[in-house]
């Protein structure tokens, strides 16, 4: 018996952003490696790339996520 079942069809109302096709899709049509989601709405999925950029910026500028103290140059 498999530990995880492979889902071939999405649940109604699940939205994804496909990185390969650069479009919003209802249900997981493309492989997981090529998509962001699931999102609760089409509008959230449409903003997937903006949301990712915002989160990346937050991470890059958050001093708690960096190993170097603020006044010490990187090694």
PDB file of N, CA and C in Angstrom:
ATOM      1  N   UNK A   1       0.835  -1.175   0.000  1.00  0.00           N
ATOM      2  CA  UNK A   1       0.000   0.000   0.000  1.00  0.00           C
ATOM      3  C   UNK A   1       0.882   1.241   0.000  1.00  0.00           C
ATOM      4  N   UNK A   2       0.571   2.162  -0.867  1.00  0.00           N
ATOM      5  CA  UNK A   2       1.357   3.391  -0.989  1.00  0.00           C
ATOM      6  C   UNK A   2       1.095   4.306   0.204  1.00  0.00           C
ATOM      7  N   UNK A   3       2.140   4.975   0.631  1.00  0.00           N
ATOM      8  CA  UNK A   3       2.022   5.904   1.741  1.00  0.00           C
ATOM      9  C   UNK A   3       1.217   7.139   1.336  1.00  0.00           C
ATOM     10  N   UNK A   4       1.470   7.623   0.130  1.00  0.00           N
ATOM     11  CA  UNK A   4       0.760   8.781  -0.382  1.00  0.00           C
ATOM     12  C   UNK A   4       0.071   8.398  -1.680  1.00  0.00           C
ATOM     13  N   UNK A   5      -1.163   8.826  -1.822  1.00  0.00           N
ATOM     14  CA  UNK A   5      -1.878   8.584  -3.071  1.00  0.00           C
ATOM     15  C   UNK A   5      -1.576   9.722  -4.029  1.00  0.00           C
ATOM     16  N   UNK A   6      -1.395   9.394  -5.291  1.00  0.00           N
ATOM     17  CA  UNK A   6      -1.197  10.414  -6.314  1.00  0.00           C
ATOM     18  C   UNK A   6      -2.568  10.916  -6.740  1.00  0.00           C
ATOM     19  N   UNK A   7      -2.781  12.215  -6.529  1.00  0.00           N
ATOM     20  CA  UNK A   7      -4.040  12.821  -6.922  1.00  0.00           C
ATOM     21  C   UNK A   7      -3.957  13.247  -8.366  1.00  0.00           C
ATOM     22  N   UNK A   8      -4.883  12.796  -9.154  1.00  0.00           N
ATOM     23  CA  UNK A   8      -4.874  13.165 -10.569  1.00  0.00           C
ATOM     24  C   UNK A   8      -5.839  14.297 -10.866  1.00  0.00           C
ATOM     25  N   UNK A   9      -6.808  14.527  -9.984  1.00  0.00           N
ATOM     26  CA  UNK A   9      -7.769  15.608 -10.198  1.00  0.00           C
ATOM     27  C   UNK A   9      -7.858  16.445  -8.939  1.00  0.00           C
ATOM     28  N   UNK A  10      -8.045  17.722  -9.126  1.00  0.00           N
ATOM     29  CA  UNK A  10      -8.141  18.623  -7.989  1.00  0.00           C
ATOM     30  C   UNK A  10      -9.535  18.665  -7.422  1.00  0.00           C
ATOM     31  N   UNK A  11      -9.619  19.243  -6.250  1.00  0.00           N
ATOM     32  CA  UNK A  11     -10.925  19.454  -5.636  1.00  0.00           C
ATOM     33  C   UNK A  11     -11.538  20.713  -6.238  1.00  0.00           C
ATOM     34  N   UNK A  12     -12.838  20.758  -6.350  1.00  0.00           N
ATOM     35  CA  UNK A  12     -13.472  21.980  -6.849  1.00  0.00           C
ATOM     36  C   UNK A  12     -13.090  23.173  -5.969  1.00  0.00           C
ATOM     37  N   UNK A  13     -12.738  24.268  -6.589  1.00  0.00           N
ATOM     38  CA  UNK A  13     -12.379  25.462  -5.850  1.00  0.00           C
ATOM     39  C   UNK A  13     -10.905  25.577  -5.507  1.00  0.00           C
ATOM     40  N   UNK A  14     -10.078  24.614  -5.892  1.00  0.00           N
ATOM     41  CA  UNK A  14      -8.633  24.719  -5.697  1.00  0.00           C
ATOM     42  C   UNK A  14      -8.028  25.378  -6.927  1.00  0.00           C
ATOM     43  N   UNK A  15      -7.252  26.406  -6.698  1.00  0.00           N
ATOM     44  CA  UNK A  15      -6.630  27.143  -7.793  1.00  0.00           C
ATOM     45  C   UNK A  15      -5.123  27.087  -7.659  1.00  0.00           C
ATOM     46  N   UNK A  16      -4.442  26.991  -8.783  1.00  0.00           N
ATOM     47  CA  UNK A  16      -2.986  26.903  -8.830  1.00  0.00           C
ATOM     48  C   UNK A  16      -2.450  27.895  -9.865  1.00  0.00           C
ATOM     49  N   UNK A  17      -1.191  28.278  -9.677  1.00  0.00           N
ATOM     50  CA  UNK A  17      -0.507  29.065 -10.692  1.00  0.00           C
ATOM     51  C   UNK A  17       0.555  28.174 -11.291  1.00  0.00           C
ATOM     52  N   UNK A  18       0.457  27.906 -12.582  1.00  0.00           N
ATOM     53  CA  UNK A  18       1.416  27.040 -13.274  1.00  0.00           C
ATOM     54  C   UNK A  18       2.622  27.872 -13.710  1.00  0.00           C
ATOM     55  N   UNK A  19       3.789  27.512 -13.219  1.00  0.00           N
ATOM     56  CA  UNK A  19       5.024  28.217 -13.553  1.00  0.00           C
ATOM     57  C   UNK A  19       5.471  27.919 -14.981  1.00  0.00           C
ATOM     58  N   UNK A  20       5.142  26.748 -15.467  1.00  0.00           N
ATOM     59  CA  UNK A  20       5.522  26.347 -16.824  1.00  0.00           C
ATOM     60  C   UNK A  20       4.728  27.122 -17.876  1.00  0.00           C
ATOM     61  N   UNK A  21       3.418  27.192 -17.677  1.00  0.00           N
ATOM     62  CA  UNK A  21       2.538  27.832 -18.654  1.00  0.00           C
ATOM     63  C   UNK A  21       2.231  29.293 -18.320  1.00  0.00           C
ATOM     64  N   UNK A  22       2.640  29.714 -17.111  1.00  0.00           N
ATOM     65  CA  UNK A  22       2.420  31.087 -16.642  1.00  0.00           C
ATOM     66  C   UNK A  22       0.941  31.469 -16.704  1.00  0.00           C
ATOM     67  N   UNK A  23       0.113  30.581 -16.133  1.00  0.00           N
ATOM     68  CA  UNK A  23      -1.320  30.853 -16.104  1.00  0.00           C
ATOM     69  C   UNK A  23      -1.961  30.181 -14.896  1.00  0.00           C
ATOM     70  N   UNK A  24      -3.149  30.645 -14.563  1.00  0.00           N
ATOM     71  CA  UNK A  24      -3.921  30.096 -13.458  1.00  0.00           C
ATOM     72  C   UNK A  24      -4.712  28.902 -13.958  1.00  0.00           C
ATOM     73  N   UNK A  25      -4.753  27.850 -13.124  1.00  0.00           N
ATOM     74  CA  UNK A  25      -5.479  26.644 -13.483  1.00  0.00           C
ATOM     75  C   UNK A  25      -6.327  26.201 -12.303  1.00  0.00           C
ATOM     76  N   UNK A  26      -7.509  25.698 -12.579  1.00  0.00           N
ATOM     77  CA  UNK A  26      -8.328  25.116 -11.509  1.00  0.00           C
ATOM     78  C   UNK A  26      -8.005  23.639 -11.431  1.00  0.00           C
ATOM     79  N   UNK A  27      -7.595  23.209 -10.264  1.00  0.00           N
ATOM     80  CA  UNK A  27      -7.175  21.821 -10.089  1.00  0.00           C
ATOM     81  C   UNK A  27      -5.728  21.654 -10.519  1.00  0.00           C
ATOM     82  N   UNK A  28      -5.047  20.663  -9.967  1.00  0.00           N
ATOM     83  CA  UNK A  28      -3.631  20.467 -10.299  1.00  0.00           C
ATOM     84  C   UNK A  28      -3.450  19.770 -11.650  1.00  0.00           C
ATOM     85  N   UNK A  29      -3.491  20.524 -12.727  1.00  0.00           N
ATOM     86  CA  UNK A  29      -3.303  19.954 -14.059  1.00  0.00           C
ATOM     87  C   UNK A  29      -1.840  19.633 -14.333  1.00  0.00           C
ATOM     88  N   UNK A  30      -0.938  20.442 -13.803  1.00  0.00           N
ATOM     89  CA  UNK A  30       0.491  20.278 -14.061  1.00  0.00           C
ATOM     90  C   UNK A  30       1.179  19.659 -12.840  1.00  0.00           C
ATOM     91  N   UNK A  31       2.372  19.099 -13.028  1.00  0.00           N
ATOM     92  CA  UNK A  31       3.093  18.488 -11.904  1.00  0.00           C
ATOM     93  C   UNK A  31       3.369  19.492 -10.789  1.00  0.00           C
ATOM     94  N   UNK A  32       3.467  19.003  -9.564  1.00  0.00           N
ATOM     95  CA  UNK A  32       3.673  19.850  -8.393  1.00  0.00           C
ATOM     96  C   UNK A  32       4.929  20.707  -8.522  1.00  0.00           C
ATOM     97  N   UNK A  33       5.952  20.198  -9.178  1.00  0.00           N
ATOM     98  CA  UNK A  33       7.198  20.952  -9.317  1.00  0.00           C
ATOM     99  C   UNK A  33       7.030  22.203 -10.179  1.00  0.00           C
ATOM    100  N   UNK A  34       5.944  22.273 -10.928  1.00  0.00           N
ATOM    101  CA  UNK A  34       5.711  23.389 -11.848  1.00  0.00           C
ATOM    102  C   UNK A  34       4.593  24.317 -11.414  1.00  0.00           C
ATOM    103  N   UNK A  35       4.175  24.249 -10.136  1.00  0.00           N
ATOM    104  CA  UNK A  35       3.038  25.081  -9.757  1.00  0.00           C
ATOM    105  C   UNK A  35       3.149  25.588  -8.324  1.00  0.00           C
ATOM    106  N   UNK A  36       2.445  26.700  -8.072  1.00  0.00           N
ATOM    107  CA  UNK A  36       2.247  27.239  -6.734  1.00  0.00           C
ATOM    108  C   UNK A  36       0.788  26.982  -6.383  1.00  0.00           C
ATOM    109  N   UNK A  37       0.520  26.685  -5.135  1.00  0.00           N
ATOM    110  CA  UNK A  37      -0.851  26.519  -4.700  1.00  0.00           C
ATOM    111  C   UNK A  37      -1.001  25.293  -3.832  1.00  0.00           C
ATOM    112  N   UNK A  38      -2.183  24.996  -3.407  1.00  0.00           N
ATOM    113  CA  UNK A  38      -3.462  25.532  -3.862  1.00  0.00           C
ATOM    114  C   UNK A  38      -3.809  26.863  -3.199  1.00  0.00           C
ATOM    115  N   UNK A  39      -4.590  27.645  -3.902  1.00  0.00           N
ATOM    116  CA  UNK A  39      -5.123  28.903  -3.410  1.00  0.00           C
ATOM    117  C   UNK A  39      -6.639  28.762  -3.295  1.00  0.00           C
ATOM    118  N   UNK A  40      -7.222  29.537  -2.414  1.00  0.00           N
ATOM    119  CA  UNK A  40      -8.672  29.460  -2.179  1.00  0.00           C
ATOM    120  C   UNK A  40      -9.482  30.133  -3.279  1.00  0.00           C
ATOM    121  N   UNK A  41      -8.851  31.057  -4.013  1.00  0.00           N
ATOM    122  CA  UNK A  41      -9.595  31.755  -5.059  1.00  0.00           C
ATOM    123  C   UNK A  41      -8.710  31.963  -6.291  1.00  0.00           C
ATOM    124  N   UNK A  42      -9.377  32.219  -7.394  1.00  0.00           N
ATOM    125  CA  UNK A  42      -8.664  32.505  -8.631  1.00  0.00           C
ATOM    126  C   UNK A  42      -7.816  33.777  -8.483  1.00  0.00           C
ATOM    127  N   UNK A  43      -8.351  34.761  -7.771  1.00  0.00           N
ATOM    128  CA  UNK A  43      -7.637  36.025  -7.584  1.00  0.00           C
ATOM    129  C   UNK A  43      -6.330  35.818  -6.817  1.00  0.00           C
ATOM    130  N   UNK A  44      -6.362  34.968  -5.790  1.00  0.00           N
ATOM    131  CA  UNK A  44      -5.134  34.672  -5.044  1.00  0.00           C
ATOM    132  C   UNK A  44      -4.108  34.000  -5.951  1.00  0.00           C
ATOM    133  N   UNK A  45      -4.555  33.071  -6.769  1.00  0.00           N
ATOM    134  CA  UNK A  45      -3.649  32.374  -7.685  1.00  0.00           C
ATOM    135  C   UNK A  45      -3.074  33.336  -8.722  1.00  0.00           C
ATOM    136  N   UNK A  46      -3.873  34.303  -9.167  1.00  0.00           N
ATOM    137  CA  UNK A  46      -3.391  35.289 -10.136  1.00  0.00           C
ATOM    138  C   UNK A  46      -2.269  36.146  -9.551  1.00  0.00           C
ATOM    139  N   UNK A  47      -2.270  36.323  -8.242  1.00  0.00           N
ATOM    140  CA  UNK A  47      -1.244  37.120  -7.561  1.00  0.00           C
ATOM    141  C   UNK A  47      -0.069  36.265  -7.081  1.00  0.00           C
ATOM    142  N   UNK A  48       0.010  35.014  -7.468  1.00  0.00           N
ATOM    143  CA  UNK A  48       1.026  34.091  -6.945  1.00  0.00           C
ATOM    144  C   UNK A  48       2.449  34.614  -7.111  1.00  0.00           C
ATOM    145  N   UNK A  49       2.774  35.148  -8.270  1.00  0.00           N
ATOM    146  CA  UNK A  49       4.140  35.624  -8.496  1.00  0.00           C
ATOM    147  C   UNK A  49       4.426  36.877  -7.667  1.00  0.00           C
ATOM    148  N   UNK A  50       3.431  37.755  -7.523  1.00  0.00           N
ATOM    149  CA  UNK A  50       3.600  38.948  -6.684  1.00  0.00           C
ATOM    150  C   UNK A  50       3.785  38.546  -5.225  1.00  0.00           C
ATOM    151  N   UNK A  51       2.986  37.586  -4.772  1.00  0.00           N
ATOM    152  CA  UNK A  51       3.090  37.108  -3.394  1.00  0.00           C
ATOM    153  C   UNK A  51       4.469  36.501  -3.149  1.00  0.00           C
ATOM    154  N   UNK A  52       4.958  35.719  -4.096  1.00  0.00           N
ATOM    155  CA  UNK A  52       6.281  35.113  -3.956  1.00  0.00           C
ATOM    156  C   UNK A  52       7.365  36.181  -3.902  1.00  0.00           C
ATOM    157  N   UNK A  53       7.258  37.203  -4.745  1.00  0.00           N
ATOM    158  CA  UNK A  53       8.251  38.288  -4.752  1.00  0.00           C
ATOM    159  C   UNK A  53       8.228  39.046  -3.424  1.00  0.00           C
ATOM    160  N   UNK A  54       7.043  39.303  -2.889  1.00  0.00           N
ATOM    161  CA  UNK A  54       6.922  39.992  -1.601  1.00  0.00           C
ATOM    162  C   UNK A  54       7.549  39.163  -0.488  1.00  0.00           C
ATOM    163  N   UNK A  55       7.280  37.861  -0.480  1.00  0.00           N
ATOM    164  CA  UNK A  55       7.846  36.990   0.557  1.00  0.00           C
ATOM    165  C   UNK A  55       9.357  36.887   0.426  1.00  0.00           C
ATOM    166  N   UNK A  56       9.853  36.830  -0.797  1.00  0.00           N
ATOM    167  CA  UNK A  56      11.307  36.789  -0.997  1.00  0.00           C
ATOM    168  C   UNK A  56      11.963  38.064  -0.480  1.00  0.00           C
ATOM    169  N   UNK A  57      11.355  39.202  -0.754  1.00  0.00           N
ATOM    170  CA  UNK A  57      11.891  40.471  -0.273  1.00  0.00           C
ATOM    171  C   UNK A  57      11.875  40.523   1.255  1.00  0.00           C
ATOM    172  N   UNK A  58      10.780  40.072   1.851  1.00  0.00           N
ATOM    173  CA  UNK A  58      10.713  40.020   3.315  1.00  0.00           C
ATOM    174  C   UNK A  58      11.828  39.149   3.874  1.00  0.00           C
ATOM    175  N   UNK A  59      12.055  38.005   3.272  1.00  0.00           N
ATOM    176  CA  UNK A  59      13.101  37.090   3.739  1.00  0.00           C
ATOM    177  C   UNK A  59      14.484  37.710   3.560  1.00  0.00           C
ATOM    178  N   UNK A  60      14.731  38.312   2.409  1.00  0.00           N
ATOM    179  CA  UNK A  60      16.046  38.878   2.122  1.00  0.00           C
ATOM    180  C   UNK A  60      16.388  40.050   3.028  1.00  0.00           C
ATOM    181  N   UNK A  61      15.385  40.766   3.518  1.00  0.00           N
ATOM    182  CA  UNK A  61      15.642  41.938   4.343  1.00  0.00           C
ATOM    183  C   UNK A  61      15.417  41.684   5.832  1.00  0.00           C
ATOM    184  N   UNK A  62      15.074  40.475   6.221  1.00  0.00           N
ATOM    185  CA  UNK A  62      14.841  40.146   7.626  1.00  0.00           C
ATOM    186  C   UNK A  62      16.153  39.717   8.274  1.00  0.00           C
ATOM    187  N   UNK A  63      16.667  40.506   9.229  1.00  0.00           N
ATOM    188  CA  UNK A  63      17.956  40.171   9.837  1.00  0.00           C
ATOM    189  C   UNK A  63      17.932  38.862  10.620  1.00  0.00           C
ATOM    190  N   UNK A  64      16.765  38.389  11.020  1.00  0.00           N
ATOM    191  CA  UNK A  64      16.696  37.116  11.755  1.00  0.00           C
ATOM    192  C   UNK A  64      17.061  35.919  10.882  1.00  0.00           C
ATOM    193  N   UNK A  65      17.015  36.073   9.557  1.00  0.00           N
ATOM    194  CA  UNK A  65      17.290  34.968   8.654  1.00  0.00           C
ATOM    195  C   UNK A  65      18.726  34.943   8.152  1.00  0.00           C
ATOM    196  N   UNK A  66      19.564  35.836   8.641  1.00  0.00           N
ATOM    197  CA  UNK A  66      20.943  35.897   8.169  1.00  0.00           C
ATOM    198  C   UNK A  66      21.891  35.520   9.286  1.00  0.00           C
ATOM    199  N   UNK A  67      22.969  34.832   8.931  1.00  0.00           N
ATOM    200  CA  UNK A  67      23.939  34.356   9.916  1.00  0.00           C
ATOM    201  C   UNK A  67      24.866  35.439  10.399  1.00  0.00           C
ATOM    202  N   UNK A  68      25.097  36.474   9.594  1.00  0.00           N
ATOM    203  CA  UNK A  68      26.051  37.513   9.941  1.00  0.00           C
ATOM    204  C   UNK A  68      25.390  38.598  10.792  1.00  0.00           C
ATOM    205  N   UNK A  69      26.053  39.022  11.883  1.00  0.00           N
ATOM    206  CA  UNK A  69      25.537  40.172  12.638  1.00  0.00           C
ATOM    207  C   UNK A  69      25.529  41.415  11.737  1.00  0.00           C
ATOM    208  N   UNK A  70      24.699  42.416  12.053  1.00  0.00           N
ATOM    209  CA  UNK A  70      24.544  43.581  11.159  1.00  0.00           C
ATOM    210  C   UNK A  70      25.828  44.346  10.855  1.00  0.00           C
ATOM    211  N   UNK A  71      26.773  44.423  11.782  1.00  0.00           N
ATOM    212  CA  UNK A  71      27.977  45.234  11.581  1.00  0.00           C
ATOM    213  C   UNK A  71      29.185  44.418  11.155  1.00  0.00           C
ATOM    214  N   UNK A  72      28.988  43.165  10.838  1.00  0.00           N
ATOM    215  CA  UNK A  72      30.093  42.307  10.453  1.00  0.00           C
ATOM    216  C   UNK A  72      30.001  41.969   8.961  1.00  0.00           C
ATOM    217  N   UNK A  73      31.082  42.195   8.215  1.00  0.00           N
ATOM    218  CA  UNK A  73      31.029  41.878   6.773  1.00  0.00           C
ATOM    219  C   UNK A  73      30.917  40.359   6.571  1.00  0.00           C
ATOM    220  N   UNK A  74      30.303  39.949   5.471  1.00  0.00           N
ATOM    221  CA  UNK A  74      30.200  38.518   5.185  1.00  0.00           C
ATOM    222  C   UNK A  74      31.552  37.889   4.984  1.00  0.00           C
ATOM    223  N   UNK A  75      31.677  36.631   5.365  1.00  0.00           N
ATOM    224  CA  UNK A  75      32.962  35.905   5.216  1.00  0.00           C
ATOM    225  C   UNK A  75      32.997  35.114   3.957  1.00  0.00           C
TER     226      UNK A  75
END
